[in-house]
Structures are given as structure tokens and as C-alpha cells.
PDB file of N, CA and C in Angstrom:
ATOM      1  N   MET A   1       9.923   5.004 -15.230  1.00  0.00           N
ATOM      2  CA  MET A   1       8.423   5.581 -15.587  1.00  0.00           C
ATOM      3  C   MET A   1       7.299   5.253 -16.427  1.00  0.00           C
ATOM      4  N   ASN A   2       7.248   4.371 -16.703  1.00  0.00           N
ATOM      5  CA  ASN A   2       6.233   3.496 -17.671  1.00  0.00           C
ATOM      6  C   ASN A   2       5.910   2.813 -16.389  1.00  0.00           C
ATOM      7  N   ASP A   3       7.040   1.944 -15.488  1.00  0.00           N
ATOM      8  CA  ASP A   3       6.336   0.998 -15.068  1.00  0.00           C
ATOM      9  C   ASP A   3       5.150   1.639 -13.809  1.00  0.00           C
ATOM     10  N   THR A   4       6.243   3.067 -13.970  1.00  0.00           N
ATOM     11  CA  THR A   4       4.899   3.783 -12.676  1.00  0.00           C
ATOM     12  C   THR A   4       4.220   3.969 -12.917  1.00  0.00           C
ATOM     13  N   PHE A   5       3.619   4.627 -13.718  1.00  0.00           N
ATOM     14  CA  PHE A   5       2.465   5.099 -14.529  1.00  0.00           C
ATOM     15  C   PHE A   5       1.445   4.065 -15.010  1.00  0.00           C
ATOM     16  N   GLN A   6       2.181   2.638 -14.886  1.00  0.00           N
ATOM     17  CA  GLN A   6       0.597   1.313 -15.379  1.00  0.00           C
ATOM     18  C   GLN A   6       0.276   1.354 -13.903  1.00  0.00           C
ATOM     19  N   ALA A   7       1.632   1.465 -12.553  1.00  0.00           N
ATOM     20  CA  ALA A   7       1.070   0.465 -11.233  1.00  0.00           C
ATOM     21  C   ALA A   7       0.453   1.776 -10.593  1.00  0.00           C
ATOM     22  N   LEU A   8       0.059   3.327 -11.001  1.00  0.00           N
ATOM     23  CA  LEU A   8      -0.972   3.634 -10.714  1.00  0.00           C
ATOM     24  C   LEU A   8      -2.276   3.467 -11.370  1.00  0.00           C
ATOM     25  N   SER A   9      -2.194   3.360 -12.752  1.00  0.00           N
ATOM     26  CA  SER A   9      -3.989   4.022 -12.982  1.00  0.00           C
ATOM     27  C   SER A   9      -4.362   2.600 -12.428  1.00  0.00           C
ATOM     28  N   SER A  10      -4.099   1.341 -11.760  1.00  0.00           N
ATOM     29  CA  SER A  10      -5.427   1.178 -11.211  1.00  0.00           C
ATOM     30  C   SER A  10      -6.063   1.483  -9.891  1.00  0.00           C
ATOM     31  N   THR A  11      -6.735   1.588  -9.670  1.00  0.00           N
ATOM     32  CA  THR A  11      -7.616   2.513  -8.578  1.00  0.00           C
ATOM     33  C   THR A  11      -7.587   0.786  -7.374  1.00  0.00           C
ATOM     34  N   VAL A  12      -7.010  -0.519  -7.132  1.00  0.00           N
ATOM     35  CA  VAL A  12      -6.779  -1.255  -6.362  1.00  0.00           C
ATOM     36  C   VAL A  12      -4.852  -1.223  -5.791  1.00  0.00           C
ATOM     37  N   ARG A  13      -5.177  -1.230  -6.937  1.00  0.00           N
ATOM     38  CA  ARG A  13      -3.307  -0.225  -6.504  1.00  0.00           C
ATOM     39  C   ARG A  13      -2.962   0.922  -5.725  1.00  0.00           C
ATOM     40  N   ARG A  14      -3.913   1.664  -5.865  1.00  0.00           N
ATOM     41  CA  ARG A  14      -4.062   3.065  -5.947  1.00  0.00           C
ATOM     42  C   ARG A  14      -4.405   2.775  -3.881  1.00  0.00           C
ATOM     43  N   LYS A  15      -5.111   2.196  -3.763  1.00  0.00           N
ATOM     44  CA  LYS A  15      -6.168   1.768  -2.274  1.00  0.00           C
ATOM     45  C   LYS A  15      -4.937   1.321  -2.063  1.00  0.00           C
ATOM     46  N   ILE A  16      -3.874   0.179  -2.378  1.00  0.00           N
ATOM     47  CA  ILE A  16      -3.031  -0.668  -1.198  1.00  0.00           C
ATOM     48  C   ILE A  16      -2.393   0.471  -1.370  1.00  0.00           C
ATOM     49  N   LEU A  17      -1.710   0.877  -1.779  1.00  0.00           N
ATOM     50  CA  LEU A  17      -0.662   2.759  -1.447  1.00  0.00           C
ATOM     51  C   LEU A  17      -1.423   3.206  -0.644  1.00  0.00           C
ATOM     52  N   ALA A  18      -3.194   3.424  -0.880  1.00  0.00           N
ATOM     53  CA  ALA A  18      -3.217   4.529   0.709  1.00  0.00           C
ATOM     54  C   ALA A  18      -3.245   3.646   2.313  1.00  0.00           C
ATOM     55  N   TYR A  19      -3.245   1.949   1.833  1.00  0.00           N
ATOM     56  CA  TYR A  19      -3.227   1.538   3.066  1.00  0.00           C
ATOM     57  C   TYR A  19      -2.159   1.534   3.827  1.00  0.00           C
ATOM     58  N   LEU A  20      -1.211   1.197   2.706  1.00  0.00           N
ATOM     59  CA  LEU A  20       0.340   1.128   3.492  1.00  0.00           C
ATOM     60  C   LEU A  20       1.043   3.294   3.289  1.00  0.00           C
ATOM     61  N   SER A  21       0.102   3.684   3.740  1.00  0.00           N
ATOM     62  CA  SER A  21       0.287   5.412   3.689  1.00  0.00           C
ATOM     63  C   SER A  21       0.530   5.380   4.835  1.00  0.00           C
ATOM     64  N   LYS A  22      -0.208   4.856   6.547  1.00  0.00           N
ATOM     65  CA  LYS A  22       1.160   5.038   7.786  1.00  0.00           C
ATOM     66  C   LYS A  22       1.576   3.699   8.427  1.00  0.00           C
ATOM     67  N   THR A  23       1.697   2.831   7.675  1.00  0.00           N
ATOM     68  CA  THR A  23       2.297   2.073   8.580  1.00  0.00           C
ATOM     69  C   THR A  23       2.180  -0.005   7.077  1.00  0.00           C
ATOM     70  N   ASP A  24       2.742  -0.242   7.531  1.00  0.00           N
ATOM     71  CA  ASP A  24       3.342  -1.307   7.332  1.00  0.00           C
ATOM     72  C   ASP A  24       2.543  -2.387   7.332  1.00  0.00           C
ATOM     73  N   LEU A  25       2.157  -3.460   6.045  1.00  0.00           N
ATOM     74  CA  LEU A  25       0.761  -4.299   6.381  1.00  0.00           C
ATOM     75  C   LEU A  25       1.625  -5.798   5.420  1.00  0.00           C
ATOM     76  N   THR A  26       1.026  -7.142   6.026  1.00  0.00           N
ATOM     77  CA  THR A  26       1.490  -7.691   5.086  1.00  0.00           C
ATOM     78  C   THR A  26       1.034  -8.585   4.048  1.00  0.00           C
ATOM     79  N   ALA A  27       0.385  -8.857   3.392  1.00  0.00           N
ATOM     80  CA  ALA A  27      -0.583  -9.147   1.869  1.00  0.00           C
ATOM     81  C   ALA A  27      -1.115 -10.019   2.699  1.00  0.00           C
ATOM     82  N   GLY A  28      -1.767 -10.604   3.838  1.00  0.00           N
ATOM     83  CA  GLY A  28      -2.674 -11.078   4.404  1.00  0.00           C
ATOM     84  C   GLY A  28      -3.651  -9.977   4.826  1.00  0.00           C
ATOM     85  N   GLU A  29      -2.895  -9.453   5.562  1.00  0.00           N
ATOM     86  CA  GLU A  29      -3.827  -8.131   6.153  1.00  0.00           C
ATOM     87  C   GLU A  29      -3.960  -7.483   5.294  1.00  0.00           C
ATOM     88  N   ILE A  30      -3.402  -6.734   3.810  1.00  0.00           N
ATOM     89  CA  ILE A  30      -3.551  -5.879   2.561  1.00  0.00           C
ATOM     90  C   ILE A  30      -5.409  -7.584   2.161  1.00  0.00           C
ATOM     91  N   SER A  31      -5.109  -8.143   1.963  1.00  0.00           N
ATOM     92  CA  SER A  31      -6.272  -9.336   1.176  1.00  0.00           C
ATOM     93  C   SER A  31      -7.452  -8.886   2.245  1.00  0.00           C
ATOM     94  N   ASP A  32      -7.040  -9.303   3.080  1.00  0.00           N
ATOM     95  CA  ASP A  32      -8.599  -9.257   4.063  1.00  0.00           C
ATOM     96  C   ASP A  32      -9.019  -7.851   3.792  1.00  0.00           C
ATOM     97  N   ARG A  33      -8.574  -6.154   2.656  1.00  0.00           N
ATOM     98  CA  ARG A  33      -9.744  -5.661   2.182  1.00  0.00           C
ATOM     99  C   ARG A  33      -9.661  -5.065   1.537  1.00  0.00           C
ATOM    100  N   PHE A  34      -9.518  -6.332   1.040  1.00  0.00           N
ATOM    101  CA  PHE A  34     -10.402  -6.843  -0.325  1.00  0.00           C
ATOM    102  C   PHE A  34     -10.427  -8.476  -0.838  1.00  0.00           C
ATOM    103  N   GLU A  35     -11.824  -8.570  -2.270  1.00  0.00           N
ATOM    104  CA  GLU A  35     -12.470  -9.431  -2.481  1.00  0.00           C
ATOM    105  C   GLU A  35     -11.883  -9.832  -4.080  1.00  0.00           C
ATOM    106  N   MET A  36     -10.510 -10.532  -3.712  1.00  0.00           N
ATOM    107  CA  MET A  36      -9.582 -10.976  -5.227  1.00  0.00           C
ATOM    108  C   MET A  36      -8.913 -12.220  -4.628  1.00  0.00           C
ATOM    109  N   SER A  37      -8.393 -13.056  -5.489  1.00  0.00           N
ATOM    110  CA  SER A  37      -7.668 -13.882  -5.013  1.00  0.00           C
ATOM    111  C   SER A  37      -6.340 -13.256  -4.619  1.00  0.00           C
ATOM    112  N   LYS A  38      -5.816 -15.013  -3.490  1.00  0.00           N
ATOM    113  CA  LYS A  38      -4.245 -14.202  -3.298  1.00  0.00           C
ATOM    114  C   LYS A  38      -3.383 -13.747  -4.235  1.00  0.00           C
ATOM    115  N   PRO A  39      -3.802 -15.442  -5.312  1.00  0.00           N
ATOM    116  CA  PRO A  39      -1.810 -14.568  -6.757  1.00  0.00           C
ATOM    117  C   PRO A  39      -3.533 -13.231  -7.323  1.00  0.00           C
ATOM    118  N   ALA A  40      -3.925 -13.013  -7.597  1.00  0.00           N
ATOM    119  CA  ALA A  40      -3.843 -11.309  -8.735  1.00  0.00           C
ATOM    120  C   ALA A  40      -4.087 -10.297  -7.187  1.00  0.00           C
ATOM    121  N   LEU A  41      -4.133 -11.021  -5.641  1.00  0.00           N
ATOM    122  CA  LEU A  41      -3.650  -9.818  -4.977  1.00  0.00           C
ATOM    123  C   LEU A  41      -1.770  -9.374  -5.473  1.00  0.00           C
ATOM    124  N   SER A  42      -1.241 -10.497  -5.036  1.00  0.00           N
ATOM    125  CA  SER A  42      -0.087 -10.503  -5.688  1.00  0.00           C
ATOM    126  C   SER A  42       0.542 -10.106  -6.535  1.00  0.00           C
ATOM    127  N   LYS A  43       0.085 -10.155  -7.642  1.00  0.00           N
ATOM    128  CA  LYS A  43       0.043  -9.390  -9.179  1.00  0.00           C
ATOM    129  C   LYS A  43       0.262  -8.129  -9.091  1.00  0.00           C
ATOM    130  N   HIS A  44      -0.328  -6.669  -7.933  1.00  0.00           N
ATOM    131  CA  HIS A  44      -1.123  -6.014  -8.321  1.00  0.00           C
ATOM    132  C   HIS A  44       0.231  -5.124  -6.652  1.00  0.00           C
ATOM    133  N   LEU A  45       0.771  -6.605  -6.147  1.00  0.00           N
ATOM    134  CA  LEU A  45       2.024  -6.366  -5.256  1.00  0.00           C
ATOM    135  C   LEU A  45       3.485  -6.684  -5.997  1.00  0.00           C
ATOM    136  N   SER A  46       3.390  -6.595  -7.224  1.00  0.00           N
ATOM    137  CA  SER A  46       4.823  -7.117  -7.978  1.00  0.00           C
ATOM    138  C   SER A  46       4.389  -6.535  -8.514  1.00  0.00           C
ATOM    139  N   ILE A  47       3.158  -5.431  -9.302  1.00  0.00           N
ATOM    140  CA  ILE A  47       3.547  -4.458  -9.627  1.00  0.00           C
ATOM    141  C   ILE A  47       4.147  -3.269  -9.344  1.00  0.00           C
ATOM    142  N   LEU A  48       4.226  -3.324  -8.172  1.00  0.00           N
ATOM    143  CA  LEU A  48       3.794  -2.035  -6.934  1.00  0.00           C
ATOM    144  C   LEU A  48       5.577  -1.849  -6.625  1.00  0.00           C
ATOM    145  N   MET A  49       5.617  -2.878  -6.665  1.00  0.00           N
ATOM    146  CA  MET A  49       7.001  -2.904  -6.253  1.00  0.00           C
ATOM    147  C   MET A  49       8.086  -2.975  -7.257  1.00  0.00           C
ATOM    148  N   ASN A  50       7.929  -3.595  -8.501  1.00  0.00           N
ATOM    149  CA  ASN A  50       8.552  -2.754 -10.210  1.00  0.00           C
ATOM    150  C   ASN A  50       8.487  -1.695 -10.149  1.00  0.00           C
ATOM    151  N   ALA A  51       7.733  -0.959 -10.252  1.00  0.00           N
ATOM    152  CA  ALA A  51       7.962   0.400 -10.051  1.00  0.00           C
ATOM    153  C   ALA A  51       8.248   0.836 -10.039  1.00  0.00           C
ATOM    154  N   GLY A  52       9.054   0.057  -7.993  1.00  0.00           N
ATOM    155  CA  GLY A  52       8.873   1.381  -6.903  1.00  0.00           C
ATOM    156  C   GLY A  52       8.657   1.778  -5.886  1.00  0.00           C
ATOM    157  N   LEU A  53       7.725   1.361  -5.869  1.00  0.00           N
ATOM    158  CA  LEU A  53       6.223   2.090  -5.044  1.00  0.00           C
ATOM    159  C   LEU A  53       6.533   1.859  -3.483  1.00  0.00           C
ATOM    160  N   ILE A  54       7.173   0.059  -3.333  1.00  0.00           N
ATOM    161  CA  ILE A  54       6.184  -0.443  -2.210  1.00  0.00           C
ATOM    162  C   ILE A  54       7.842  -1.004  -2.108  1.00  0.00           C
ATOM    163  N   GLN A  55       8.167  -1.254  -1.230  1.00  0.00           N
ATOM    164  CA  GLN A  55       8.961  -2.667  -0.789  1.00  0.00           C
ATOM    165  C   GLN A  55       8.488  -4.072  -0.105  1.00  0.00           C
ATOM    166  N   GLY A  56       8.992  -4.668  -0.021  1.00  0.00           N
ATOM    167  CA  GLY A  56       8.762  -5.429   0.885  1.00  0.00           C
ATOM    168  C   GLY A  56       9.527  -6.173   1.585  1.00  0.00           C
ATOM    169  N   ASP A  57       9.779  -6.684   3.060  1.00  0.00           N
ATOM    170  CA  ASP A  57      10.982  -7.094   4.332  1.00  0.00           C
ATOM    171  C   ASP A  57      10.549  -7.962   4.837  1.00  0.00           C
ATOM    172  N   LYS A  58      11.135  -9.411   4.624  1.00  0.00           N
ATOM    173  CA  LYS A  58      10.875 -10.267   5.731  1.00  0.00           C
ATOM    174  C   LYS A  58      11.237  -9.971   6.625  1.00  0.00           C
ATOM    175  N   LYS A  59      10.108 -10.289   7.602  1.00  0.00           N
ATOM    176  CA  LYS A  59       9.826 -10.680   9.003  1.00  0.00           C
ATOM    177  C   LYS A  59       9.796 -11.907   9.181  1.00  0.00           C
ATOM    178  N   GLY A  60      10.902 -12.586   9.654  1.00  0.00           N
ATOM    179  CA  GLY A  60       9.736 -14.427  10.414  1.00  0.00           C
ATOM    180  C   GLY A  60       9.206 -14.924   8.887  1.00  0.00           C
ATOM    181  N   GLN A  61       8.359 -15.707   9.378  1.00  0.00           N
ATOM    182  CA  GLN A  61       7.668 -15.674   7.789  1.00  0.00           C
ATOM    183  C   GLN A  61       6.622 -15.224   7.259  1.00  0.00           C
ATOM    184  N   PHE A  62       5.990 -13.796   7.427  1.00  0.00           N
ATOM    185  CA  PHE A  62       5.957 -12.941   6.944  1.00  0.00           C
ATOM    186  C   PHE A  62       6.424 -11.974   5.972  1.00  0.00           C
ATOM    187  N   VAL A  63       6.200 -11.680   4.593  1.00  0.00           N
ATOM    188  CA  VAL A  63       6.470  -9.899   3.866  1.00  0.00           C
ATOM    189  C   VAL A  63       5.826  -9.180   4.713  1.00  0.00           C
ATOM    190  N   HIS A  64       6.192  -8.195   5.440  1.00  0.00           N
ATOM    191  CA  HIS A  64       6.070  -6.410   5.331  1.00  0.00           C
ATOM    192  C   HIS A  64       6.346  -5.832   4.492  1.00  0.00           C
ATOM    193  N   TYR A  65       4.636  -5.290   3.750  1.00  0.00           N
ATOM    194  CA  TYR A  65       5.124  -4.113   2.755  1.00  0.00           C
ATOM    195  C   TYR A  65       4.802  -3.138   3.198  1.00  0.00           C
ATOM    196  N   SER A  66       5.949  -1.858   2.449  1.00  0.00           N
ATOM    197  CA  SER A  66       5.777  -0.838   2.615  1.00  0.00           C
ATOM    198  C   SER A  66       6.315   0.732   1.927  1.00  0.00           C
ATOM    199  N   LEU A  67       5.812   1.218   2.677  1.00  0.00           N
ATOM    200  CA  LEU A  67       5.474   3.035   1.110  1.00  0.00           C
ATOM    201  C   LEU A  67       7.128   2.723   1.150  1.00  0.00           C
ATOM    202  N   VAL A  68       7.523   3.074  -0.752  1.00  0.00           N
ATOM    203  CA  VAL A  68       9.188   4.292  -0.481  1.00  0.00           C
ATOM    204  C   VAL A  68       8.523   5.416  -0.483  1.00  0.00           C
ATOM    205  N   LYS A  69       9.700   5.531   0.846  1.00  0.00           N
ATOM    206  CA  LYS A  69       9.343   6.871   1.339  1.00  0.00           C
ATOM    207  C   LYS A  69       9.925   8.077   0.396  1.00  0.00           C
ATOM    208  N   GLU A  70      11.683   7.357  -0.687  1.00  0.00           N
ATOM    209  CA  GLU A  70      12.368   8.224  -1.489  1.00  0.00           C
ATOM    210  C   GLU A  70      11.638   8.186  -2.452  1.00  0.00           C
ATOM    211  N   ASN A  71      10.641   7.636  -3.023  1.00  0.00           N
ATOM    212  CA  ASN A  71      10.156   7.557  -4.481  1.00  0.00           C
ATOM    213  C   ASN A  71       8.961   9.002  -4.098  1.00  0.00           C
ATOM    214  N   LEU A  72       9.451   9.673  -5.420  1.00  0.00           N
ATOM    215  CA  LEU A  72       8.948  11.753  -5.760  1.00  0.00           C
ATOM    216  C   LEU A  72       6.868  10.258  -5.823  1.00  0.00           C
ATOM    217  N   PHE A  73       7.187   9.597  -6.898  1.00  0.00           N
ATOM    218  CA  PHE A  73       5.496   9.189  -7.247  1.00  0.00           C
ATOM    219  C   PHE A  73       4.992   8.413  -5.554  1.00  0.00           C
ATOM    220  N   ALA A  74       5.771   7.914  -4.994  1.00  0.00           N
ATOM    221  CA  ALA A  74       4.899   7.772  -4.395  1.00  0.00           C
ATOM    222  C   ALA A  74       4.569   8.579  -3.052  1.00  0.00           C
ATOM    223  N   ASN A  75       5.018   9.374  -2.728  1.00  0.00           N
ATOM    224  CA  ASN A  75       4.796  10.469  -2.001  1.00  0.00           C
ATOM    225  C   ASN A  75       3.622  11.567  -2.256  1.00  0.00           C
ATOM    226  N   MET A  76       3.969  11.655  -3.549  1.00  0.00           N
ATOM    227  CA  MET A  76       2.453  12.865  -5.297  1.00  0.00           C
ATOM    228  C   MET A  76       1.571  11.717  -4.559  1.00  0.00           C
ATOM    229  N   ASN A  77       1.644  10.218  -4.443  1.00  0.00           N
ATOM    230  CA  ASN A  77      -0.022   9.820  -4.755  1.00  0.00           C
ATOM    231  C   ASN A  77      -0.046   9.553  -2.828  1.00  0.00           C
ATOM    232  N   ASP A  78       0.276   9.437  -1.996  1.00  0.00           N
ATOM    233  CA  ASP A  78       0.655   9.580  -0.546  1.00  0.00           C
ATOM    234  C   ASP A  78      -0.443  11.516  -0.066  1.00  0.00           C
ATOM    235  N   PHE A  79       0.685  12.792  -0.686  1.00  0.00           N
ATOM    236  CA  PHE A  79      -0.220  13.601  -1.018  1.00  0.00           C
ATOM    237  C   PHE A  79      -1.725  13.801  -0.881  1.00  0.00           C
ATOM    238  N   LEU A  80      -1.772  13.592  -2.192  1.00  0.00           N
ATOM    239  CA  LEU A  80      -3.218  13.420  -3.633  1.00  0.00           C
ATOM    240  C   LEU A  80      -4.281  12.810  -2.424  1.00  0.00           C
ATOM    241  N   VAL A  81      -3.650  11.553  -2.043  1.00  0.00           N
ATOM    242  CA  VAL A  81      -5.146  10.791  -1.632  1.00  0.00           C
ATOM    243  C   VAL A  81      -5.754  11.497  -0.561  1.00  0.00           C
ATOM    244  N   ASN A  82      -5.322  11.741   0.530  1.00  0.00           N
ATOM    245  CA  ASN A  82      -6.323  13.005   0.890  1.00  0.00           C
ATOM    246  C   ASN A  82      -7.355  13.820   0.366  1.00  0.00           C
ATOM    247  N   PHE A  83      -7.024  13.887  -0.593  1.00  0.00           N
ATOM    248  CA  PHE A  83      -8.078  14.669  -0.996  1.00  0.00           C
ATOM    249  C   PHE A  83      -8.862  13.925  -2.132  1.00  0.00           C
ATOM    250  N   CYS A  84      -8.682  13.082  -2.102  1.00  0.00           N
ATOM    251  CA  CYS A  84      -9.554  11.303  -2.643  1.00  0.00           C
ATOM    252  C   CYS A  84     -10.804  10.917  -1.826  1.00  0.00           C
ATOM    253  N   PRO A  85     -12.069  11.008  -2.375  1.00  0.00           N
ATOM    254  CA  PRO A  85     -12.911  10.543  -1.378  1.00  0.00           C
ATOM    255  C   PRO A  85     -12.957   9.250  -1.009  1.00  0.00           C
ATOM    256  N   GLN A  86     -12.414   8.644  -1.980  1.00  0.00           N
ATOM    257  CA  GLN A  86     -11.907   7.295  -1.860  1.00  0.00           C
ATOM    258  C   GLN A  86     -11.276   6.292  -1.202  1.00  0.00           C
ATOM    259  N   GLY A  87      -9.608   7.866  -1.488  1.00  0.00           N
ATOM    260  CA  GLY A  87      -8.295   6.868  -0.681  1.00  0.00           C
ATOM    261  C   GLY A  87      -8.204   7.651   1.265  1.00  0.00           C
ATOM    262  N   ARG A  88      -8.808   8.940   1.044  1.00  0.00           N
ATOM    263  CA  ARG A  88      -9.477   9.491   2.720  1.00  0.00           C
ATOM    264  C   ARG A  88      -9.525   8.959   3.668  1.00  0.00           C
ATOM    265  N   PRO A  89     -10.309   7.801   3.339  1.00  0.00           N
ATOM    266  CA  PRO A  89     -10.633   6.872   4.528  1.00  0.00           C
ATOM    267  C   PRO A  89     -10.462   5.926   4.677  1.00  0.00           C
ATOM    268  N   LEU A  90      -8.876   5.708   3.971  1.00  0.00           N
ATOM    269  CA  LEU A  90      -8.688   3.785   3.307  1.00  0.00           C
ATOM    270  C   LEU A  90      -6.988   5.167   3.956  1.00  0.00           C
ATOM    271  N   LYS A  91      -6.850   5.845   3.890  1.00  0.00           N
ATOM    272  CA  LYS A  91      -5.587   6.621   4.514  1.00  0.00           C
ATOM    273  C   LYS A  91      -5.698   6.655   6.394  1.00  0.00           C
ATOM    274  N   MET A  92      -7.217   7.178   6.512  1.00  0.00           N
ATOM    275  CA  MET A  92      -7.242   7.267   7.872  1.00  0.00           C
ATOM    276  C   MET A  92      -7.028   5.550   8.518  1.00  0.00           C
ATOM    277  N   GLU A  93      -8.316   4.870   8.513  1.00  0.00           N
ATOM    278  CA  GLU A  93      -7.689   3.283   8.309  1.00  0.00           C
ATOM    279  C   GLU A  93      -6.029   2.803   8.218  1.00  0.00           C
ATOM    280  N   SER A  94      -5.471   3.423   7.915  1.00  0.00           N
ATOM    281  CA  SER A  94      -4.049   2.978   8.221  1.00  0.00           C
ATOM    282  C   SER A  94      -3.486   3.810   8.988  1.00  0.00           C
ATOM    283  N   ALA A  95      -3.597   4.967   9.620  1.00  0.00           N
ATOM    284  CA  ALA A  95      -3.706   5.662  10.918  1.00  0.00           C
ATOM    285  C   ALA A  95      -3.497   4.682  12.152  1.00  0.00           C
ATOM    286  N   GLU A  96      -5.330   4.704  12.426  1.00  0.00           N
ATOM    287  CA  GLU A  96      -5.728   3.996  13.122  1.00  0.00           C
ATOM    288  C   GLU A  96      -5.390   2.818  13.046  1.00  0.00           C
ATOM    289  N   LEU A  97      -4.945   2.036  12.176  1.00  0.00           N
ATOM    290  CA  LEU A  97      -4.008   0.793  12.071  1.00  0.00           C
ATOM    291  C   LEU A  97      -2.116   0.086  13.160  1.00  0.00           C
ATOM    292  N   ALA A  98      -1.625   1.743  12.531  1.00  0.00           N
ATOM    293  CA  ALA A  98      -0.444   2.163  12.878  1.00  0.00           C
ATOM    294  C   ALA A  98      -0.833   2.771  14.118  1.00  0.00           C
ATOM    295  N   LYS A  99      -1.652   3.383  14.697  1.00  0.00           N
ATOM    296  CA  LYS A  99      -1.857   3.942  16.130  1.00  0.00           C
ATOM    297  C   LYS A  99      -1.642   2.391  17.146  1.00  0.00           C
ATOM    298  N   ASN A 100      -2.852   0.555  16.337  1.00  0.00           N
ATOM    299  CA  ASN A 100      -3.150   0.166  17.272  1.00  0.00           C
ATOM    300  C   ASN A 100      -1.900  -0.875  16.869  1.00  0.00           C
ATOM    301  N   LYS A 101      -1.089  -1.447  16.155  1.00  0.00           N
ATOM    302  CA  LYS A 101       0.564  -1.543  15.899  1.00  0.00           C
ATOM    303  C   LYS A 101       1.003  -0.721  17.217  1.00  0.00           C
ATOM    304  N   ASN A 102       1.039   1.349  17.704  1.00  0.00           N
ATOM    305  CA  ASN A 102       2.647   1.456  18.019  1.00  0.00           C
ATOM    306  C   ASN A 102       1.561   0.728  19.632  1.00  0.00           C
ATOM    307  N   SER A 103       0.760   1.145  20.161  1.00  0.00           N
ATOM    308  CA  SER A 103      -0.106   0.677  21.150  1.00  0.00           C
ATOM    309  C   SER A 103       0.266  -0.951  21.908  1.00  0.00           C
ATOM    310  N   SER A 104      -0.458  -1.396  20.669  1.00  0.00           N
ATOM    311  CA  SER A 104       0.605  -2.980  21.293  1.00  0.00           C
ATOM    312  C   SER A 104       1.950  -4.536  21.491  1.00  0.00           C
ATOM    313  N   GLU A 105       2.972  -2.799  20.836  1.00  0.00           N
ATOM    314  CA  GLU A 105       4.100  -3.423  21.155  1.00  0.00           C
ATOM    315  C   GLU A 105       4.601  -2.735  22.537  1.00  0.00           C
TER     316      GLU A 105
END
């Protein structure tokens, strides 16, 4: 449980969870939304994975990250993002990305 609270203590990691709320994204797609180095983003993704909040699935040469829907804390964060002034726009962007992905398939 300590890993989960440590993961959720970071604003960046909560934003990553918001971006993953409606669609899966590659590390590159996530990094496009942040001004940070790839190693720093990789560390944030690793912390979220170690906490069991996200998972990575290798598809071709890319790893696609998504929320672990069975994780209670991931579900609580997904719900609370609706009321967060910072998180809500990110969740809406995630829904738009999902819509665009589904229409291009």
C-alpha cells in the first residue's frame, strides 16, 4: 500500500493516470504531454507500474500503457479526476484520444 500512496503523491503521476483514464498510450504519446526527459518519464511509469496502477503491453516495437481497472486506487483516482480542476481536462483529452483511435481503426 505504501507504493500506491507514493505513486499517487506526485502530481505528474496523477496526470499520467488521468491521461490513461479512457485510452492506452505509448511512452512517446505520454511524453508529448509533459516537459520532462524520457528517463524521468520512465521513472514515473515504473513507479506507477510497481504500485499496480498501470500495466504495459508490448505491441510491436512500442509498449502501450493502460490503467489497471481492477485496482481500487486506480478506480478511485479515475473517479476523483472528474472533480479535479487539473485532472478533468486531461480526462476529457483522454476520451477524445480514445475516440480518434477508435474512428481510425
